[in-house]
Structure formats: structure tokens, C-alpha cells
């Protein structure tokens, strides 16, 4: 199933959605900035029923803002390594990242997702964009940037329905 189709199923047909889009990653580590890039591209293109949060490597510090928004859905965007093509985006199940030991995040992302699901909103999804290089000081790879644009286009179409 395509990313668009999976997100469409995730969002359902609800007309009164309140969605938080969380951009996760380090702005100084190459492709790890992809979550920020998506949020930057989404800026000004969505309704007031969508909250954009750039959380850097500490999304757990933003749980209050997420809770205050009272979302029906939470979408997290982050760089990932699922051995896909550079810039390829897909839904990553939390259990697929549960045993990941190398991360740029201060708290493992699967713990953050679990917390949000249990205490704030049961509808949480992680969009992973295949990165190439997350070295300190590296530039955003053009293929990963293209992937960010594709994710943005999908989100704009689905969230403005």
C-alpha cells in the first residue's frame, strides 16, 4: 500500500480532525533535518485544525503542547533507516524501532509514541523518510529533500480535505 493510501486509512473519514504534525530530528545532522523540512514546507498551507511542532531531538518536551491541542491524530515525521531508496517515505511501526540503539533522540522514539498513544491520543503514526547521511554538519541530500516534498504534498492533500 502506498504512503498516501496508508495515511488516508489512518486519518479515516472524520470531518472534525485535529492533527498534530511533529517534526523530529537534529537540524545539524544532515538528513536528520527532514522532519523540519516537511514542517517548513507545510507552513501556511493547512487549516487551524493542524498544529505543526518542530521538536528537534526532544519530542517528549512537547507533550504538553500536544495535549493542549486535543488532537484526534498525531503524525510524526523523522529520518529513518529502513534500507529503502534515499528519500523514500513509509509508515514505520513503533515495534520496528523498539530495539534501535543508535538514534539522535534523547528518549527512544518508540517510548514517546507509546506515551502519546496511552495518555493523549490513540491515533499516532510515524512517517520515516530514508536518509543517506546524518553526520554532524552534513547537508540535506537532494533525494531526501525530494522525499520531504513528496510527504508534504501528500499531507497537504489529505489534511485539507
C-alpha atoms as a PDB file:
ATOM      1  CA  UNK A   1       0.000   0.000   0.000  1.00  0.00           C
ATOM      2  CA  UNK A   2       1.293   3.493  -0.835  1.00  0.00           C
ATOM      3  CA  UNK A   3       2.103   6.064   1.832  1.00  0.00           C
ATOM      4  CA  UNK A   4      -0.862   8.152   0.697  1.00  0.00           C
ATOM      5  CA  UNK A   5      -3.229   5.185   0.966  1.00  0.00           C
ATOM      6  CA  UNK A   6      -1.904   4.231   4.410  1.00  0.00           C
ATOM      7  CA  UNK A   7      -2.284   7.792   5.675  1.00  0.00           C
ATOM      8  CA  UNK A   8      -5.772   8.010   4.209  1.00  0.00           C
ATOM      9  CA  UNK A   9      -6.760   4.880   6.157  1.00  0.00           C
ATOM     10  CA  UNK A  10      -5.058   6.247   9.291  1.00  0.00           C
ATOM     11  CA  UNK A  11      -6.918   9.569   9.074  1.00  0.00           C
ATOM     12  CA  UNK A  12     -10.235   7.959   8.191  1.00  0.00           C
ATOM     13  CA  UNK A  13     -13.221   9.911   7.009  1.00  0.00           C
ATOM     14  CA  UNK A  14     -13.635  12.086  10.117  1.00  0.00           C
ATOM     15  CA  UNK A  15     -14.635  15.631   9.215  1.00  0.00           C
ATOM     16  CA  UNK A  16     -13.642  17.143  12.564  1.00  0.00           C
ATOM     17  CA  UNK A  17      -9.999  16.143  12.715  1.00  0.00           C
ATOM     18  CA  UNK A  18      -7.441  17.912  14.853  1.00  0.00           C
ATOM     19  CA  UNK A  19      -3.996  16.824  13.755  1.00  0.00           C
ATOM     20  CA  UNK A  20      -0.579  17.496  15.233  1.00  0.00           C
ATOM     21  CA  UNK A  21       2.338  17.055  12.829  1.00  0.00           C
ATOM     22  CA  UNK A  22       5.586  16.608  14.766  1.00  0.00           C
ATOM     23  CA  UNK A  23       8.915  17.196  13.032  1.00  0.00           C
ATOM     24  CA  UNK A  24      11.662  15.282  14.834  1.00  0.00           C
ATOM     25  CA  UNK A  25      15.405  15.356  14.286  1.00  0.00           C
ATOM     26  CA  UNK A  26      18.595  17.310  14.589  1.00  0.00           C
ATOM     27  CA  UNK A  27      18.955  20.400  12.395  1.00  0.00           C
ATOM     28  CA  UNK A  28      22.749  20.000  12.354  1.00  0.00           C
ATOM     29  CA  UNK A  29      22.897  16.359  11.264  1.00  0.00           C
ATOM     30  CA  UNK A  30      22.346  16.215   7.515  1.00  0.00           C
ATOM     31  CA  UNK A  31      19.285  14.227   6.545  1.00  0.00           C
ATOM     32  CA  UNK A  32      18.045  14.135  10.129  1.00  0.00           C
ATOM     33  CA  UNK A  33      16.550  17.569   9.375  1.00  0.00           C
ATOM     34  CA  UNK A  34      13.923  16.018   7.084  1.00  0.00           C
ATOM     35  CA  UNK A  35      11.155  16.310   9.708  1.00  0.00           C
ATOM     36  CA  UNK A  36      11.860  20.061   9.941  1.00  0.00           C
ATOM     37  CA  UNK A  37      11.892  20.357   6.176  1.00  0.00           C
ATOM     38  CA  UNK A  38       8.417  18.830   5.932  1.00  0.00           C
ATOM     39  CA  UNK A  39       7.080  21.230   8.570  1.00  0.00           C
ATOM     40  CA  UNK A  40       8.738  24.166   6.839  1.00  0.00           C
ATOM     41  CA  UNK A  41       7.084  23.177   3.553  1.00  0.00           C
ATOM     42  CA  UNK A  42       3.698  22.733   5.292  1.00  0.00           C
ATOM     43  CA  UNK A  43       3.816  26.205   6.867  1.00  0.00           C
ATOM     44  CA  UNK A  44       0.830  28.304   5.760  1.00  0.00           C
ATOM     45  CA  UNK A  45      -0.736  25.507   3.692  1.00  0.00           C
ATOM     46  CA  UNK A  46      -3.009  23.920   6.322  1.00  0.00           C
ATOM     47  CA  UNK A  47      -6.060  24.890   8.352  1.00  0.00           C
ATOM     48  CA  UNK A  48      -6.137  25.897  12.006  1.00  0.00           C
ATOM     49  CA  UNK A  49      -7.094  22.301  12.842  1.00  0.00           C
ATOM     50  CA  UNK A  50      -3.471  21.306  12.233  1.00  0.00           C
ATOM     51  CA  UNK A  51      -0.679  22.133  14.671  1.00  0.00           C
ATOM     52  CA  UNK A  52       2.914  21.984  13.416  1.00  0.00           C
ATOM     53  CA  UNK A  53       5.537  21.254  16.090  1.00  0.00           C
ATOM     54  CA  UNK A  54       9.284  21.301  15.454  1.00  0.00           C
ATOM     55  CA  UNK A  55      10.661  19.341  18.389  1.00  0.00           C
ATOM     56  CA  UNK A  56      14.288  18.753  17.419  1.00  0.00           C
ATOM     57  CA  UNK A  57      15.576  15.688  19.300  1.00  0.00           C
ATOM     58  CA  UNK A  58      13.289  16.059  22.321  1.00  0.00           C
ATOM     59  CA  UNK A  59       9.683  15.456  21.230  1.00  0.00           C
ATOM     60  CA  UNK A  60       8.881  14.399  24.804  1.00  0.00           C
ATOM     61  CA  UNK A  61       9.300  18.050  25.835  1.00  0.00           C
ATOM     62  CA  UNK A  62       6.274  18.937  23.695  1.00  0.00           C
ATOM     63  CA  UNK A  63       3.716  16.538  25.168  1.00  0.00           C
ATOM     64  CA  UNK A  64       2.013  19.451  26.958  1.00  0.00           C
ATOM     65  CA  UNK A  65       1.519  21.342  23.696  1.00  0.00           C
ATOM     66  CA  UNK A  66       0.211  18.190  22.040  1.00  0.00           C
ATOM     67  CA  UNK A  67      -2.200  17.539  24.931  1.00  0.00           C
ATOM     68  CA  UNK A  68      -3.411  21.165  24.963  1.00  0.00           C
ATOM     69  CA  UNK A  69      -4.295  20.971  21.255  1.00  0.00           C
ATOM     70  CA  UNK A  70      -6.538  17.927  21.951  1.00  0.00           C
ATOM     71  CA  UNK A  71      -5.681  16.109  18.730  1.00  0.00           C
ATOM     72  CA  UNK A  72      -7.601  13.296  17.112  1.00  0.00           C
ATOM     73  CA  UNK A  73      -4.433  12.262  15.251  1.00  0.00           C
ATOM     74  CA  UNK A  74      -0.680  12.729  15.662  1.00  0.00           C
ATOM     75  CA  UNK A  75       1.707  12.344  12.716  1.00  0.00           C
ATOM     76  CA  UNK A  76       5.435  12.198  13.450  1.00  0.00           C
ATOM     77  CA  UNK A  77       7.952  12.785  10.646  1.00  0.00           C
ATOM     78  CA  UNK A  78      11.570  11.746  11.102  1.00  0.00           C
ATOM     79  CA  UNK A  79      14.560  10.440   9.210  1.00  0.00           C
ATOM     80  CA  UNK A  80      14.766   6.659   9.263  1.00  0.00           C
ATOM     81  CA  UNK A  81      16.948   3.825   8.097  1.00  0.00           C
ATOM     82  CA  UNK A  82      14.777   1.016   6.779  1.00  0.00           C
ATOM     83  CA  UNK A  83      17.155   0.253   3.895  1.00  0.00           C
ATOM     84  CA  UNK A  84      14.912   1.929   1.335  1.00  0.00           C
ATOM     85  CA  UNK A  85      15.855   4.233  -1.510  1.00  0.00           C
ATOM     86  CA  UNK A  86      17.116   7.665  -0.402  1.00  0.00           C
ATOM     87  CA  UNK A  87      14.090   9.907   0.200  1.00  0.00           C
ATOM     88  CA  UNK A  88      11.611   7.032   0.204  1.00  0.00           C
ATOM     89  CA  UNK A  89       8.929   7.551   2.848  1.00  0.00           C
ATOM     90  CA  UNK A  90       6.856   4.952   4.625  1.00  0.00           C
ATOM     91  CA  UNK A  91       4.899   4.321   7.769  1.00  0.00           C
ATOM     92  CA  UNK A  92       7.199   2.812  10.390  1.00  0.00           C
ATOM     93  CA  UNK A  93       5.533   0.621  13.042  1.00  0.00           C
ATOM     94  CA  UNK A  94       6.727   1.551  16.560  1.00  0.00           C
ATOM     95  CA  UNK A  95       7.741  -2.048  17.243  1.00  0.00           C
ATOM     96  CA  UNK A  96      10.152  -1.798  14.283  1.00  0.00           C
ATOM     97  CA  UNK A  97      12.116   0.895  16.120  1.00  0.00           C
ATOM     98  CA  UNK A  98      11.809  -0.539  19.637  1.00  0.00           C
ATOM     99  CA  UNK A  99      15.236  -2.179  19.604  1.00  0.00           C
ATOM    100  CA  UNK A 100      17.093   0.600  17.790  1.00  0.00           C
ATOM    101  CA  UNK A 101      20.123   1.602  19.802  1.00  0.00           C
ATOM    102  CA  UNK A 102      21.557   4.306  17.532  1.00  0.00           C
ATOM    103  CA  UNK A 103      19.454   7.451  17.490  1.00  0.00           C
ATOM    104  CA  UNK A 104      19.832  11.207  17.616  1.00  0.00           C
ATOM    105  CA  UNK A 105      16.926  11.453  20.092  1.00  0.00           C
ATOM    106  CA  UNK A 106      17.342  11.870  23.823  1.00  0.00           C
ATOM    107  CA  UNK A 107      14.458   9.458  24.542  1.00  0.00           C
ATOM    108  CA  UNK A 108      13.849   6.476  22.256  1.00  0.00           C
ATOM    109  CA  UNK A 109      11.079   7.426  19.821  1.00  0.00           C
ATOM    110  CA  UNK A 110       9.045   4.283  20.470  1.00  0.00           C
ATOM    111  CA  UNK A 111       8.694   5.328  24.135  1.00  0.00           C
ATOM    112  CA  UNK A 112       7.455   8.773  23.096  1.00  0.00           C
ATOM    113  CA  UNK A 113       4.957   7.215  20.678  1.00  0.00           C
ATOM    114  CA  UNK A 114       3.748   4.795  23.344  1.00  0.00           C
ATOM    115  CA  UNK A 115       3.273   7.608  25.847  1.00  0.00           C
ATOM    116  CA  UNK A 116       1.310   9.768  23.391  1.00  0.00           C
ATOM    117  CA  UNK A 117      -0.891   6.811  22.406  1.00  0.00           C
ATOM    118  CA  UNK A 118      -1.642   5.876  26.004  1.00  0.00           C
ATOM    119  CA  UNK A 119      -2.123   9.295  27.557  1.00  0.00           C
ATOM    120  CA  UNK A 120      -3.049  11.810  24.838  1.00  0.00           C
ATOM    121  CA  UNK A 121      -4.276  10.372  21.551  1.00  0.00           C
ATOM    122  CA  UNK A 122      -4.536   6.734  20.417  1.00  0.00           C
ATOM    123  CA  UNK A 123      -4.055   7.620  16.745  1.00  0.00           C
ATOM    124  CA  UNK A 124      -0.315   8.087  16.272  1.00  0.00           C
ATOM    125  CA  UNK A 125       1.731   7.278  13.195  1.00  0.00           C
ATOM    126  CA  UNK A 126       5.416   7.652  12.347  1.00  0.00           C
ATOM    127  CA  UNK A 127       6.426   8.586   8.806  1.00  0.00           C
ATOM    128  CA  UNK A 128      10.038   7.648   8.240  1.00  0.00           C
ATOM    129  CA  UNK A 129      11.989   9.156   5.368  1.00  0.00           C
ATOM    130  CA  UNK A 130      15.032   7.153   4.316  1.00  0.00           C
ATOM    131  CA  UNK A 131      18.109   9.231   4.943  1.00  0.00           C
ATOM    132  CA  UNK A 132      21.595   8.930   3.493  1.00  0.00           C
ATOM    133  CA  UNK A 133      23.844  10.814   5.893  1.00  0.00           C
ATOM    134  CA  UNK A 134      23.173  12.062   9.432  1.00  0.00           C
ATOM    135  CA  UNK A 135      26.752  13.107  10.137  1.00  0.00           C
ATOM    136  CA  UNK A 136      27.263  16.322  12.066  1.00  0.00           C
ATOM    137  CA  UNK A 137      27.409  19.253   9.648  1.00  0.00           C
ATOM    138  CA  UNK A 138      26.305  17.265   6.594  1.00  0.00           C
ATOM    139  CA  UNK A 139      23.921  18.873   4.092  1.00  0.00           C
ATOM    140  CA  UNK A 140      20.419  17.611   3.325  1.00  0.00           C
ATOM    141  CA  UNK A 141      20.691  15.081   0.487  1.00  0.00           C
ATOM    142  CA  UNK A 142      18.731  16.172  -2.647  1.00  0.00           C
ATOM    143  CA  UNK A 143      16.905  12.817  -2.789  1.00  0.00           C
ATOM    144  CA  UNK A 144      15.866  13.168   0.850  1.00  0.00           C
ATOM    145  CA  UNK A 145      14.732  16.734   0.188  1.00  0.00           C
ATOM    146  CA  UNK A 146      12.631  15.429  -2.714  1.00  0.00           C
ATOM    147  CA  UNK A 147      11.145  12.855  -0.333  1.00  0.00           C
ATOM    148  CA  UNK A 148      10.249  15.670   2.081  1.00  0.00           C
ATOM    149  CA  UNK A 149       8.447  17.478  -0.735  1.00  0.00           C
ATOM    150  CA  UNK A 150       6.508  14.324  -1.633  1.00  0.00           C
ATOM    151  CA  UNK A 151       5.470  13.766   2.005  1.00  0.00           C
ATOM    152  CA  UNK A 152       4.415  17.426   2.201  1.00  0.00           C
ATOM    153  CA  UNK A 153       2.285  17.139  -0.948  1.00  0.00           C
ATOM    154  CA  UNK A 154       0.521  14.068   0.439  1.00  0.00           C
ATOM    155  CA  UNK A 155      -0.124  15.715   3.802  1.00  0.00           C
ATOM    156  CA  UNK A 156      -1.463  18.921   2.219  1.00  0.00           C
ATOM    157  CA  UNK A 157      -3.933  16.953   0.100  1.00  0.00           C
ATOM    158  CA  UNK A 158      -5.103  14.699   2.911  1.00  0.00           C
ATOM    159  CA  UNK A 159      -5.236  17.263   5.701  1.00  0.00           C
ATOM    160  CA  UNK A 160      -7.090  19.868   3.644  1.00  0.00           C
ATOM    161  CA  UNK A 161      -9.955  17.512   2.769  1.00  0.00           C
END
